[in-house]
Amino acid sequence: MYLGVFDLNQRLEQTRKILREKQHLKKLIEEDIRELEKDIQDLEAMMNDKKIAASART
């Protein structure tokens, strides 16, 4: 019986560790997504500025 309890405690610790790692990875991915969205907005703004500048020349 004690061996079974030890195994369950060990599995619980491993599960907690994996969960912490996955939560950390999720945060990193969410940060990457936010950075990519900001980069896209910056690029769109640059393209709009170029369009405005090109239309002002004509």
PDB file of N, CA and C in Angstrom:
ATOM      1  N   MET A   1       0.816  -1.201   0.000  1.00  0.00           N
ATOM      2  CA  MET A   1       0.000   0.000   0.000  1.00  0.00           C
ATOM      3  C   MET A   1       0.853   1.255   0.000  1.00  0.00           C
ATOM      4  N   TYR A   2       1.922   1.259   0.780  1.00  0.00           N
ATOM      5  CA  TYR A   2       2.759   2.456   0.818  1.00  0.00           C
ATOM      6  C   TYR A   2       3.408   2.739  -0.530  1.00  0.00           C
ATOM      7  N   LEU A   3       3.740   1.675  -1.244  1.00  0.00           N
ATOM      8  CA  LEU A   3       4.343   1.843  -2.558  1.00  0.00           C
ATOM      9  C   LEU A   3       3.361   2.536  -3.507  1.00  0.00           C
ATOM     10  N   GLY A   4       2.093   2.160  -3.454  1.00  0.00           N
ATOM     11  CA  GLY A   4       1.076   2.793  -4.294  1.00  0.00           C
ATOM     12  C   GLY A   4       0.906   4.261  -3.976  1.00  0.00           C
ATOM     13  N   VAL A   5       0.939   4.611  -2.711  1.00  0.00           N
ATOM     14  CA  VAL A   5       0.813   6.016  -2.311  1.00  0.00           C
ATOM     15  C   VAL A   5       2.011   6.808  -2.810  1.00  0.00           C
ATOM     16  N   PHE A   6       3.204   6.225  -2.701  1.00  0.00           N
ATOM     17  CA  PHE A   6       4.407   6.882  -3.187  1.00  0.00           C
ATOM     18  C   PHE A   6       4.303   7.128  -4.688  1.00  0.00           C
ATOM     19  N   ASP A   7       3.848   6.122  -5.419  1.00  0.00           N
ATOM     20  CA  ASP A   7       3.701   6.269  -6.864  1.00  0.00           C
ATOM     21  C   ASP A   7       2.718   7.381  -7.204  1.00  0.00           C
ATOM     22  N   LEU A   8       1.611   7.442  -6.473  1.00  0.00           N
ATOM     23  CA  LEU A   8       0.628   8.494  -6.738  1.00  0.00           C
ATOM     24  C   LEU A   8       1.202   9.876  -6.437  1.00  0.00           C
ATOM     25  N   ASN A   9       1.935   9.987  -5.342  1.00  0.00           N
ATOM     26  CA  ASN A   9       2.547  11.269  -5.008  1.00  0.00           C
ATOM     27  C   ASN A   9       3.579  11.676  -6.053  1.00  0.00           C
ATOM     28  N   GLN A  10       4.334  10.713  -6.528  1.00  0.00           N
ATOM     29  CA  GLN A  10       5.335  10.987  -7.561  1.00  0.00           C
ATOM     30  C   GLN A  10       4.654  11.432  -8.861  1.00  0.00           C
ATOM     31  N   ARG A  11       3.591  10.743  -9.240  1.00  0.00           N
ATOM     32  CA  ARG A  11       2.858  11.123 -10.457  1.00  0.00           C
ATOM     33  C   ARG A  11       2.236  12.503 -10.305  1.00  0.00           C
ATOM     34  N   LEU A  12       1.723  12.806  -9.111  1.00  0.00           N
ATOM     35  CA  LEU A  12       1.142  14.117  -8.861  1.00  0.00           C
ATOM     36  C   LEU A  12       2.199  15.209  -9.011  1.00  0.00           C
ATOM     37  N   GLU A  13       3.389  14.996  -8.465  1.00  0.00           N
ATOM     38  CA  GLU A  13       4.477  15.970  -8.590  1.00  0.00           C
ATOM     39  C   GLU A  13       4.867  16.155 -10.043  1.00  0.00           C
ATOM     40  N   GLN A  14       4.973  15.057 -10.784  1.00  0.00           N
ATOM     41  CA  GLN A  14       5.327  15.142 -12.200  1.00  0.00           C
ATOM     42  C   GLN A  14       4.261  15.904 -12.978  1.00  0.00           C
ATOM     43  N   THR A  15       3.004  15.640 -12.653  1.00  0.00           N
ATOM     44  CA  THR A  15       1.907  16.333 -13.328  1.00  0.00           C
ATOM     45  C   THR A  15       1.946  17.827 -13.029  1.00  0.00           C
ATOM     46  N   ARG A  16       2.209  18.172 -11.787  1.00  0.00           N
ATOM     47  CA  ARG A  16       2.322  19.593 -11.423  1.00  0.00           C
ATOM     48  C   ARG A  16       3.472  20.263 -12.167  1.00  0.00           C
ATOM     49  N   LYS A  17       4.588  19.572 -12.257  1.00  0.00           N
ATOM     50  CA  LYS A  17       5.750  20.120 -12.957  1.00  0.00           C
ATOM     51  C   LYS A  17       5.424  20.359 -14.429  1.00  0.00           C
ATOM     52  N   ILE A  18       4.799  19.381 -15.050  1.00  0.00           N
ATOM     53  CA  ILE A  18       4.425  19.520 -16.463  1.00  0.00           C
ATOM     54  C   ILE A  18       3.443  20.665 -16.640  1.00  0.00           C
ATOM     55  N   LEU A  19       2.496  20.791 -15.720  1.00  0.00           N
ATOM     56  CA  LEU A  19       1.518  21.868 -15.801  1.00  0.00           C
ATOM     57  C   LEU A  19       2.204  23.230 -15.698  1.00  0.00           C
ATOM     58  N   ARG A  20       3.154  23.370 -14.789  1.00  0.00           N
ATOM     59  CA  ARG A  20       3.894  24.633 -14.667  1.00  0.00           C
ATOM     60  C   ARG A  20       4.646  24.948 -15.952  1.00  0.00           C
ATOM     61  N   GLU A  21       5.275  23.929 -16.531  1.00  0.00           N
ATOM     62  CA  GLU A  21       6.012  24.129 -17.783  1.00  0.00           C
ATOM     63  C   GLU A  21       5.078  24.557 -18.908  1.00  0.00           C
ATOM     64  N   LYS A  22       3.915  23.915 -18.981  1.00  0.00           N
ATOM     65  CA  LYS A  22       2.958  24.257 -20.036  1.00  0.00           C
ATOM     66  C   LYS A  22       2.412  25.665 -19.845  1.00  0.00           C
ATOM     67  N   GLN A  23       2.169  26.061 -18.606  1.00  0.00           N
ATOM     68  CA  GLN A  23       1.688  27.416 -18.341  1.00  0.00           C
ATOM     69  C   GLN A  23       2.745  28.434 -18.737  1.00  0.00           C
ATOM     70  N   HIS A  24       4.008  28.129 -18.461  1.00  0.00           N
ATOM     71  CA  HIS A  24       5.099  29.027 -18.839  1.00  0.00           C
ATOM     72  C   HIS A  24       5.176  29.150 -20.360  1.00  0.00           C
ATOM     73  N   LEU A  25       5.093  28.020 -21.044  1.00  0.00           N
ATOM     74  CA  LEU A  25       5.126  28.041 -22.506  1.00  0.00           C
ATOM     75  C   LEU A  25       3.942  28.819 -23.074  1.00  0.00           C
ATOM     76  N   LYS A  26       2.776  28.671 -22.452  1.00  0.00           N
ATOM     77  CA  LYS A  26       1.594  29.398 -22.904  1.00  0.00           C
ATOM     78  C   LYS A  26       1.826  30.897 -22.795  1.00  0.00           C
ATOM     79  N   LYS A  27       2.420  31.340 -21.688  1.00  0.00           N
ATOM     80  CA  LYS A  27       2.717  32.767 -21.524  1.00  0.00           C
ATOM     81  C   LYS A  27       3.689  33.249 -22.590  1.00  0.00           C
ATOM     82  N   LEU A  28       4.712  32.446 -22.883  1.00  0.00           N
ATOM     83  CA  LEU A  28       5.680  32.830 -23.904  1.00  0.00           C
ATOM     84  C   LEU A  28       5.012  32.945 -25.278  1.00  0.00           C
ATOM     85  N   ILE A  29       4.143  31.998 -25.582  1.00  0.00           N
ATOM     86  CA  ILE A  29       3.443  32.019 -26.874  1.00  0.00           C
ATOM     87  C   ILE A  29       2.535  33.233 -26.956  1.00  0.00           C
ATOM     88  N   GLU A  30       1.824  33.537 -25.866  1.00  0.00           N
ATOM     89  CA  GLU A  30       0.947  34.708 -25.860  1.00  0.00           C
ATOM     90  C   GLU A  30       1.745  35.991 -26.052  1.00  0.00           C
ATOM     91  N   GLU A  31       2.925  36.081 -25.451  1.00  0.00           N
ATOM     92  CA  GLU A  31       3.784  37.255 -25.648  1.00  0.00           C
ATOM     93  C   GLU A  31       4.228  37.358 -27.106  1.00  0.00           C
ATOM     94  N   ASP A  32       4.600  36.230 -27.696  1.00  0.00           N
ATOM     95  CA  ASP A  32       5.004  36.223 -29.100  1.00  0.00           C
ATOM     96  C   ASP A  32       3.864  36.682 -29.996  1.00  0.00           C
ATOM     97  N   ILE A  33       2.662  36.221 -29.710  1.00  0.00           N
ATOM     98  CA  ILE A  33       1.502  36.619 -30.508  1.00  0.00           C
ATOM     99  C   ILE A  33       1.272  38.119 -30.408  1.00  0.00           C
ATOM    100  N   ARG A  34       1.350  38.660 -29.190  1.00  0.00           N
ATOM    101  CA  ARG A  34       1.175  40.106 -29.017  1.00  0.00           C
ATOM    102  C   ARG A  34       2.233  40.889 -29.795  1.00  0.00           C
ATOM    103  N   GLU A  35       3.475  40.414 -29.750  1.00  0.00           N
ATOM    104  CA  GLU A  35       4.548  41.088 -30.487  1.00  0.00           C
ATOM    105  C   GLU A  35       4.307  41.020 -31.990  1.00  0.00           C
ATOM    106  N   LEU A  36       3.861  39.872 -32.479  1.00  0.00           N
ATOM    107  CA  LEU A  36       3.571  39.736 -33.910  1.00  0.00           C
ATOM    108  C   LEU A  36       2.421  40.648 -34.328  1.00  0.00           C
ATOM    109  N   GLU A  37       1.380  40.725 -33.493  1.00  0.00           N
ATOM    110  CA  GLU A  37       0.259  41.612 -33.810  1.00  0.00           C
ATOM    111  C   GLU A  37       0.715  43.070 -33.857  1.00  0.00           C
ATOM    112  N   LYS A  38       1.600  43.456 -32.939  1.00  0.00           N
ATOM    113  CA  LYS A  38       2.122  44.824 -32.942  1.00  0.00           C
ATOM    114  C   LYS A  38       2.951  45.068 -34.197  1.00  0.00           C
ATOM    115  N   ASP A  39       3.781  44.111 -34.579  1.00  0.00           N
ATOM    116  CA  ASP A  39       4.586  44.236 -35.793  1.00  0.00           C
ATOM    117  C   ASP A  39       3.692  44.394 -37.020  1.00  0.00           C
ATOM    118  N   ILE A  40       2.606  43.642 -37.070  1.00  0.00           N
ATOM    119  CA  ILE A  40       1.674  43.746 -38.204  1.00  0.00           C
ATOM    120  C   ILE A  40       1.047  45.128 -38.239  1.00  0.00           C
ATOM    121  N   GLN A  41       0.635  45.626 -37.089  1.00  0.00           N
ATOM    122  CA  GLN A  41       0.057  46.971 -37.036  1.00  0.00           C
ATOM    123  C   GLN A  41       1.066  48.022 -37.484  1.00  0.00           C
ATOM    124  N   ASP A  42       2.316  47.867 -37.059  1.00  0.00           N
ATOM    125  CA  ASP A  42       3.361  48.805 -37.474  1.00  0.00           C
ATOM    126  C   ASP A  42       3.570  48.757 -38.982  1.00  0.00           C
ATOM    127  N   LEU A  43       3.602  47.551 -39.540  1.00  0.00           N
ATOM    128  CA  LEU A  43       3.767  47.412 -40.989  1.00  0.00           C
ATOM    129  C   LEU A  43       2.586  48.015 -41.745  1.00  0.00           C
ATOM    130  N   GLU A  44       1.376  47.773 -41.256  1.00  0.00           N
ATOM    131  CA  GLU A  44       0.197  48.350 -41.906  1.00  0.00           C
ATOM    132  C   GLU A  44       0.248  49.869 -41.850  1.00  0.00           C
ATOM    133  N   ALA A  45       0.687  50.411 -40.726  1.00  0.00           N
ATOM    134  CA  ALA A  45       0.795  51.866 -40.603  1.00  0.00           C
ATOM    135  C   ALA A  45       1.838  52.410 -41.575  1.00  0.00           C
ATOM    136  N   MET A  46       2.951  51.697 -41.715  1.00  0.00           N
ATOM    137  CA  MET A  46       3.985  52.130 -42.662  1.00  0.00           C
ATOM    138  C   MET A  46       3.462  52.096 -44.084  1.00  0.00           C
ATOM    139  N   MET A  47       2.714  51.058 -44.425  1.00  0.00           N
ATOM    140  CA  MET A  47       2.163  50.955 -45.778  1.00  0.00           C
ATOM    141  C   MET A  47       1.159  52.079 -46.029  1.00  0.00           C
ATOM    142  N   ASN A  48       0.339  52.387 -45.043  1.00  0.00           N
ATOM    143  CA  ASN A  48      -0.629  53.478 -45.202  1.00  0.00           C
ATOM    144  C   ASN A  48       0.086  54.813 -45.357  1.00  0.00           C
ATOM    145  N   ASP A  49       1.164  55.016 -44.616  1.00  0.00           N
ATOM    146  CA  ASP A  49       1.933  56.255 -44.743  1.00  0.00           C
ATOM    147  C   ASP A  49       2.519  56.382 -46.138  1.00  0.00           C
ATOM    148  N   LYS A  50       3.012  55.265 -46.692  1.00  0.00           N
ATOM    149  CA  LYS A  50       3.581  55.301 -48.046  1.00  0.00           C
ATOM    150  C   LYS A  50       2.498  55.601 -49.078  1.00  0.00           C
ATOM    151  N   LYS A  51       1.298  55.038 -48.880  1.00  0.00           N
ATOM    152  CA  LYS A  51       0.202  55.293 -49.806  1.00  0.00           C
ATOM    153  C   LYS A  51      -0.188  56.763 -49.779  1.00  0.00           C
ATOM    154  N   ILE A  52      -0.237  57.322 -48.567  1.00  0.00           N
ATOM    155  CA  ILE A  52      -0.594  58.741 -48.416  1.00  0.00           C
ATOM    156  C   ILE A  52       0.470  59.614 -49.068  1.00  0.00           C
ATOM    157  N   ALA A  53       1.737  59.282 -48.862  1.00  0.00           N
ATOM    158  CA  ALA A  53       2.820  60.056 -49.440  1.00  0.00           C
ATOM    159  C   ALA A  53       2.789  59.957 -50.964  1.00  0.00           C
ATOM    160  N   ALA A  54       2.495  58.788 -51.505  1.00  0.00           N
ATOM    161  CA  ALA A  54       2.451  58.596 -52.959  1.00  0.00           C
ATOM    162  C   ALA A  54       1.282  59.359 -53.561  1.00  0.00           C
ATOM    163  N   SER A  55       0.152  59.366 -52.883  1.00  0.00           N
ATOM    164  CA  SER A  55      -1.008  60.079 -53.423  1.00  0.00           C
ATOM    165  C   SER A  55      -0.824  61.593 -53.282  1.00  0.00           C
ATOM    166  N   ALA A  56      -0.045  62.039 -52.335  1.00  0.00           N
ATOM    167  CA  ALA A  56       0.212  63.476 -52.180  1.00  0.00           C
ATOM    168  C   ALA A  56       1.106  63.996 -53.285  1.00  0.00           C
ATOM    169  N   ARG A  57       1.955  63.122 -53.820  1.00  0.00           N
ATOM    170  CA  ARG A  57       2.864  63.526 -54.905  1.00  0.00           C
ATOM    171  C   ARG A  57       2.128  63.725 -56.219  1.00  0.00           C
ATOM    172  N   THR A  58       1.017  63.055 -56.377  1.00  0.00           N
ATOM    173  CA  THR A  58       0.315  63.145 -57.674  1.00  0.00           C
ATOM    174  C   THR A  58      -0.682  64.253 -57.710  1.00  0.00           C
TER     175      THR A  58
END
